[in-house]
């Protein structure tokens, strides 16, 4: 199930919204359900926020053997400016 983020439609109006929707909250919901329109606690209007995308980070460069296993063609530059297949 994906995680959706919601925040109050009027973050400046902290009197009418609860502390949860004023700061924003995450909610796990099935894809086939419609987006929330109201906060589950205080029933004030909320909007869905576009979240950051989490991508894996490669901490070390691939070795030649790892690159070949992944299906890449490895080339090495020669002194004359040409490339040779490894």
N, C-alpha and C. Protein backbone atom coordinates (compact mmCIF):
# COMPACT_ATOMS: atom_id res chain seq x y z
N UNK A 1 0.83 -1.18 0.00
CA UNK A 1 0.00 0.00 0.00
C UNK A 1 0.87 1.24 0.00
N UNK A 2 0.55 2.20 -0.85
CA UNK A 2 1.34 3.43 -0.88
C UNK A 2 1.07 4.32 0.33
N UNK A 3 2.03 5.18 0.61
CA UNK A 3 1.90 6.14 1.70
C UNK A 3 1.61 7.51 1.08
N UNK A 4 0.54 8.13 1.53
CA UNK A 4 0.17 9.46 1.04
C UNK A 4 0.39 10.48 2.16
N UNK A 5 0.77 11.69 1.77
CA UNK A 5 0.97 12.77 2.74
C UNK A 5 -0.13 13.81 2.55
N UNK A 6 -0.64 14.29 3.67
CA UNK A 6 -1.70 15.30 3.67
C UNK A 6 -1.31 16.44 4.59
N UNK A 7 -1.83 17.64 4.29
CA UNK A 7 -1.63 18.81 5.13
C UNK A 7 -2.89 19.67 5.06
N UNK A 8 -3.10 20.46 6.07
CA UNK A 8 -4.27 21.33 6.12
C UNK A 8 -4.25 22.31 4.94
N UNK A 9 -5.43 22.58 4.38
CA UNK A 9 -5.50 23.51 3.25
C UNK A 9 -5.19 24.93 3.68
N UNK A 10 -5.41 25.24 4.95
CA UNK A 10 -5.10 26.58 5.46
C UNK A 10 -4.12 26.45 6.62
N UNK A 11 -2.80 26.27 6.34
CA UNK A 11 -1.84 26.09 7.43
C UNK A 11 -1.68 27.33 8.30
N UNK A 12 -2.10 28.51 7.81
CA UNK A 12 -1.98 29.72 8.61
C UNK A 12 -3.05 29.78 9.71
N UNK A 13 -4.16 29.10 9.46
CA UNK A 13 -5.28 29.13 10.40
C UNK A 13 -5.13 27.95 11.37
N UNK A 14 -4.30 28.12 12.40
CA UNK A 14 -4.04 27.03 13.34
C UNK A 14 -5.15 26.89 14.38
N UNK A 15 -6.05 27.86 14.47
CA UNK A 15 -7.14 27.76 15.44
C UNK A 15 -8.15 26.70 15.05
N UNK A 16 -8.46 26.61 13.76
CA UNK A 16 -9.49 25.67 13.34
C UNK A 16 -8.93 24.27 13.05
N UNK A 17 -7.65 24.17 12.71
CA UNK A 17 -7.08 22.86 12.41
C UNK A 17 -6.37 22.29 13.63
N UNK A 18 -6.33 20.97 13.71
CA UNK A 18 -5.66 20.32 14.84
C UNK A 18 -4.15 20.32 14.61
N UNK A 19 -3.40 19.95 15.62
CA UNK A 19 -1.94 19.97 15.50
C UNK A 19 -1.43 18.93 14.51
N UNK A 20 -2.21 17.88 14.26
CA UNK A 20 -1.81 16.83 13.32
C UNK A 20 -1.86 17.35 11.88
N UNK A 21 -3.00 17.87 11.46
CA UNK A 21 -3.12 18.30 10.07
C UNK A 21 -2.41 19.63 9.81
N UNK A 22 -2.18 20.43 10.84
CA UNK A 22 -1.45 21.69 10.65
C UNK A 22 0.00 21.42 10.26
N UNK A 23 0.61 20.37 10.86
CA UNK A 23 1.99 20.02 10.53
C UNK A 23 2.08 19.06 9.36
N UNK A 24 1.01 18.35 9.08
CA UNK A 24 0.98 17.36 8.03
C UNK A 24 1.08 15.96 8.61
N UNK A 25 0.51 15.00 7.89
CA UNK A 25 0.54 13.62 8.36
C UNK A 25 0.60 12.66 7.18
N UNK A 26 1.06 11.43 7.46
CA UNK A 26 1.15 10.39 6.45
C UNK A 26 0.06 9.36 6.72
N UNK A 27 -0.43 8.75 5.65
CA UNK A 27 -1.48 7.77 5.79
C UNK A 27 -1.32 6.69 4.72
N UNK A 28 -1.37 5.44 5.15
CA UNK A 28 -1.32 4.32 4.21
C UNK A 28 -2.74 4.03 3.75
N UNK A 29 -2.94 4.09 2.43
CA UNK A 29 -4.26 3.85 1.86
C UNK A 29 -4.13 3.02 0.59
N UNK A 30 -5.10 2.16 0.31
CA UNK A 30 -5.09 1.44 -0.96
C UNK A 30 -5.21 2.40 -2.14
N UNK A 31 -4.67 2.01 -3.27
CA UNK A 31 -4.68 2.87 -4.45
C UNK A 31 -6.09 3.13 -4.95
N UNK A 32 -6.98 2.15 -4.82
CA UNK A 32 -8.33 2.30 -5.36
C UNK A 32 -9.24 3.22 -4.54
N UNK A 33 -8.82 3.64 -3.35
CA UNK A 33 -9.61 4.58 -2.55
C UNK A 33 -9.34 6.01 -2.98
N UNK A 34 -10.35 6.84 -2.87
CA UNK A 34 -10.19 8.26 -3.22
C UNK A 34 -9.35 8.96 -2.15
N UNK A 35 -8.74 10.07 -2.53
CA UNK A 35 -7.92 10.86 -1.61
C UNK A 35 -8.80 11.45 -0.51
N UNK A 36 -8.21 11.65 0.67
CA UNK A 36 -8.94 12.27 1.77
C UNK A 36 -9.27 13.71 1.42
N UNK A 37 -10.40 14.18 1.89
CA UNK A 37 -10.76 15.59 1.72
C UNK A 37 -10.79 16.31 3.06
N UNK A 38 -10.97 15.52 4.15
CA UNK A 38 -11.04 16.11 5.49
C UNK A 38 -10.12 15.35 6.43
N UNK A 39 -9.61 16.06 7.43
CA UNK A 39 -8.76 15.46 8.46
C UNK A 39 -9.58 14.44 9.25
N UNK A 40 -9.02 13.26 9.54
CA UNK A 40 -9.78 12.27 10.31
C UNK A 40 -10.09 12.71 11.74
N UNK A 41 -9.30 13.63 12.31
CA UNK A 41 -9.52 14.06 13.69
C UNK A 41 -10.42 15.28 13.81
N UNK A 42 -10.05 16.36 13.12
CA UNK A 42 -10.78 17.62 13.31
C UNK A 42 -11.77 17.92 12.18
N UNK A 43 -11.78 17.11 11.13
CA UNK A 43 -12.72 17.23 10.00
C UNK A 43 -12.54 18.50 9.18
N UNK A 44 -11.40 19.18 9.30
CA UNK A 44 -11.12 20.34 8.46
C UNK A 44 -10.57 19.88 7.11
N UNK A 45 -10.70 20.70 6.07
CA UNK A 45 -10.23 20.30 4.74
C UNK A 45 -8.71 20.11 4.71
N UNK A 46 -8.28 19.05 4.02
CA UNK A 46 -6.86 18.76 3.82
C UNK A 46 -6.61 18.55 2.34
N UNK A 47 -5.34 18.69 1.95
CA UNK A 47 -4.96 18.44 0.56
C UNK A 47 -3.80 17.46 0.55
N UNK A 48 -3.71 16.70 -0.55
CA UNK A 48 -2.64 15.73 -0.71
C UNK A 48 -1.38 16.46 -1.15
N UNK A 49 -0.24 16.10 -0.56
CA UNK A 49 1.04 16.73 -0.85
C UNK A 49 1.88 15.77 -1.69
N UNK A 50 2.58 16.29 -2.67
CA UNK A 50 3.48 15.46 -3.47
C UNK A 50 4.73 15.19 -2.64
N UNK A 51 5.04 13.92 -2.47
CA UNK A 51 6.15 13.51 -1.61
C UNK A 51 7.46 13.46 -2.38
N UNK A 52 8.54 13.45 -1.61
CA UNK A 52 9.85 13.24 -2.21
C UNK A 52 9.95 11.80 -2.66
N UNK A 53 10.76 11.57 -3.66
CA UNK A 53 10.97 10.22 -4.15
C UNK A 53 12.24 9.68 -3.50
N UNK A 54 12.15 8.48 -2.98
CA UNK A 54 13.31 7.86 -2.33
C UNK A 54 14.02 6.98 -3.35
N UNK A 55 15.24 7.33 -3.68
CA UNK A 55 16.02 6.54 -4.62
C UNK A 55 17.24 5.98 -3.93
N UNK A 56 17.63 4.78 -4.27
CA UNK A 56 18.84 4.23 -3.65
C UNK A 56 20.08 4.97 -4.13
N UNK A 57 21.04 5.12 -3.25
CA UNK A 57 22.28 5.80 -3.61
C UNK A 57 23.40 4.78 -3.71
N UNK A 58 24.19 4.90 -4.77
CA UNK A 58 25.34 4.02 -4.94
C UNK A 58 26.52 4.70 -4.28
N UNK A 59 27.10 4.06 -3.29
CA UNK A 59 28.18 4.68 -2.53
C UNK A 59 29.55 4.45 -3.16
N UNK A 60 29.67 3.45 -4.01
CA UNK A 60 30.95 3.18 -4.64
C UNK A 60 30.72 2.96 -6.12
N UNK A 61 31.68 3.30 -6.95
CA UNK A 61 31.50 3.05 -8.38
C UNK A 61 31.53 1.55 -8.65
N UNK A 62 30.82 1.15 -9.68
CA UNK A 62 30.81 -0.25 -10.06
C UNK A 62 32.18 -0.69 -10.54
N UNK A 63 32.55 -1.89 -10.21
CA UNK A 63 33.80 -2.44 -10.75
C UNK A 63 33.51 -2.93 -12.17
N UNK A 64 34.55 -3.25 -12.89
CA UNK A 64 34.40 -3.72 -14.26
C UNK A 64 33.57 -5.00 -14.30
N UNK A 65 33.81 -5.91 -13.39
CA UNK A 65 33.05 -7.16 -13.39
C UNK A 65 31.58 -6.92 -13.02
N UNK A 66 31.32 -6.01 -12.08
CA UNK A 66 29.93 -5.69 -11.74
C UNK A 66 29.20 -5.07 -12.93
N UNK A 67 29.87 -4.18 -13.64
CA UNK A 67 29.26 -3.54 -14.80
C UNK A 67 28.95 -4.56 -15.89
N UNK A 68 29.86 -5.50 -16.12
CA UNK A 68 29.63 -6.54 -17.13
C UNK A 68 28.47 -7.44 -16.73
N UNK A 69 28.38 -7.79 -15.43
CA UNK A 69 27.27 -8.62 -14.96
C UNK A 69 25.93 -7.91 -15.12
N UNK A 70 25.94 -6.59 -15.00
CA UNK A 70 24.72 -5.80 -15.14
C UNK A 70 24.34 -5.59 -16.60
N UNK A 71 25.19 -6.02 -17.53
CA UNK A 71 24.87 -5.92 -18.95
C UNK A 71 25.46 -4.72 -19.65
N UNK A 72 26.35 -3.99 -18.99
CA UNK A 72 26.97 -2.84 -19.63
C UNK A 72 28.20 -3.26 -20.41
N UNK A 73 28.51 -2.48 -21.43
CA UNK A 73 29.74 -2.70 -22.19
C UNK A 73 30.81 -1.78 -21.61
N UNK A 74 31.94 -2.34 -21.20
CA UNK A 74 33.00 -1.57 -20.55
C UNK A 74 34.06 -1.25 -21.58
N UNK A 75 34.39 0.06 -21.69
CA UNK A 75 35.41 0.52 -22.62
C UNK A 75 36.53 1.19 -21.85
N UNK A 76 37.74 1.09 -22.38
CA UNK A 76 38.90 1.74 -21.77
C UNK A 76 39.53 2.65 -22.81
N UNK A 77 39.85 3.88 -22.40
CA UNK A 77 40.42 4.85 -23.32
C UNK A 77 41.92 4.60 -23.47
N UNK A 78 42.39 4.59 -24.70
CA UNK A 78 43.81 4.40 -25.01
C UNK A 78 44.48 5.75 -25.23
N UNK A 79 45.80 5.75 -25.31
CA UNK A 79 46.59 6.99 -25.44
C UNK A 79 46.25 7.75 -26.72
N UNK A 80 45.93 7.04 -27.80
CA UNK A 80 45.65 7.72 -29.07
C UNK A 80 44.23 8.26 -29.16
N UNK A 81 43.45 8.15 -28.10
CA UNK A 81 42.09 8.70 -28.07
C UNK A 81 41.02 7.70 -28.44
N UNK A 82 41.41 6.49 -28.84
CA UNK A 82 40.42 5.49 -29.19
C UNK A 82 40.01 4.71 -27.94
N UNK A 83 38.93 3.98 -28.06
CA UNK A 83 38.44 3.16 -26.95
C UNK A 83 38.53 1.70 -27.32
N UNK A 84 38.89 0.88 -26.34
CA UNK A 84 39.00 -0.55 -26.56
C UNK A 84 38.04 -1.27 -25.61
N UNK A 85 37.35 -2.27 -26.15
CA UNK A 85 36.41 -3.04 -25.35
C UNK A 85 37.19 -3.91 -24.36
N UNK A 86 36.76 -3.92 -23.12
CA UNK A 86 37.43 -4.71 -22.09
C UNK A 86 36.90 -6.12 -22.08
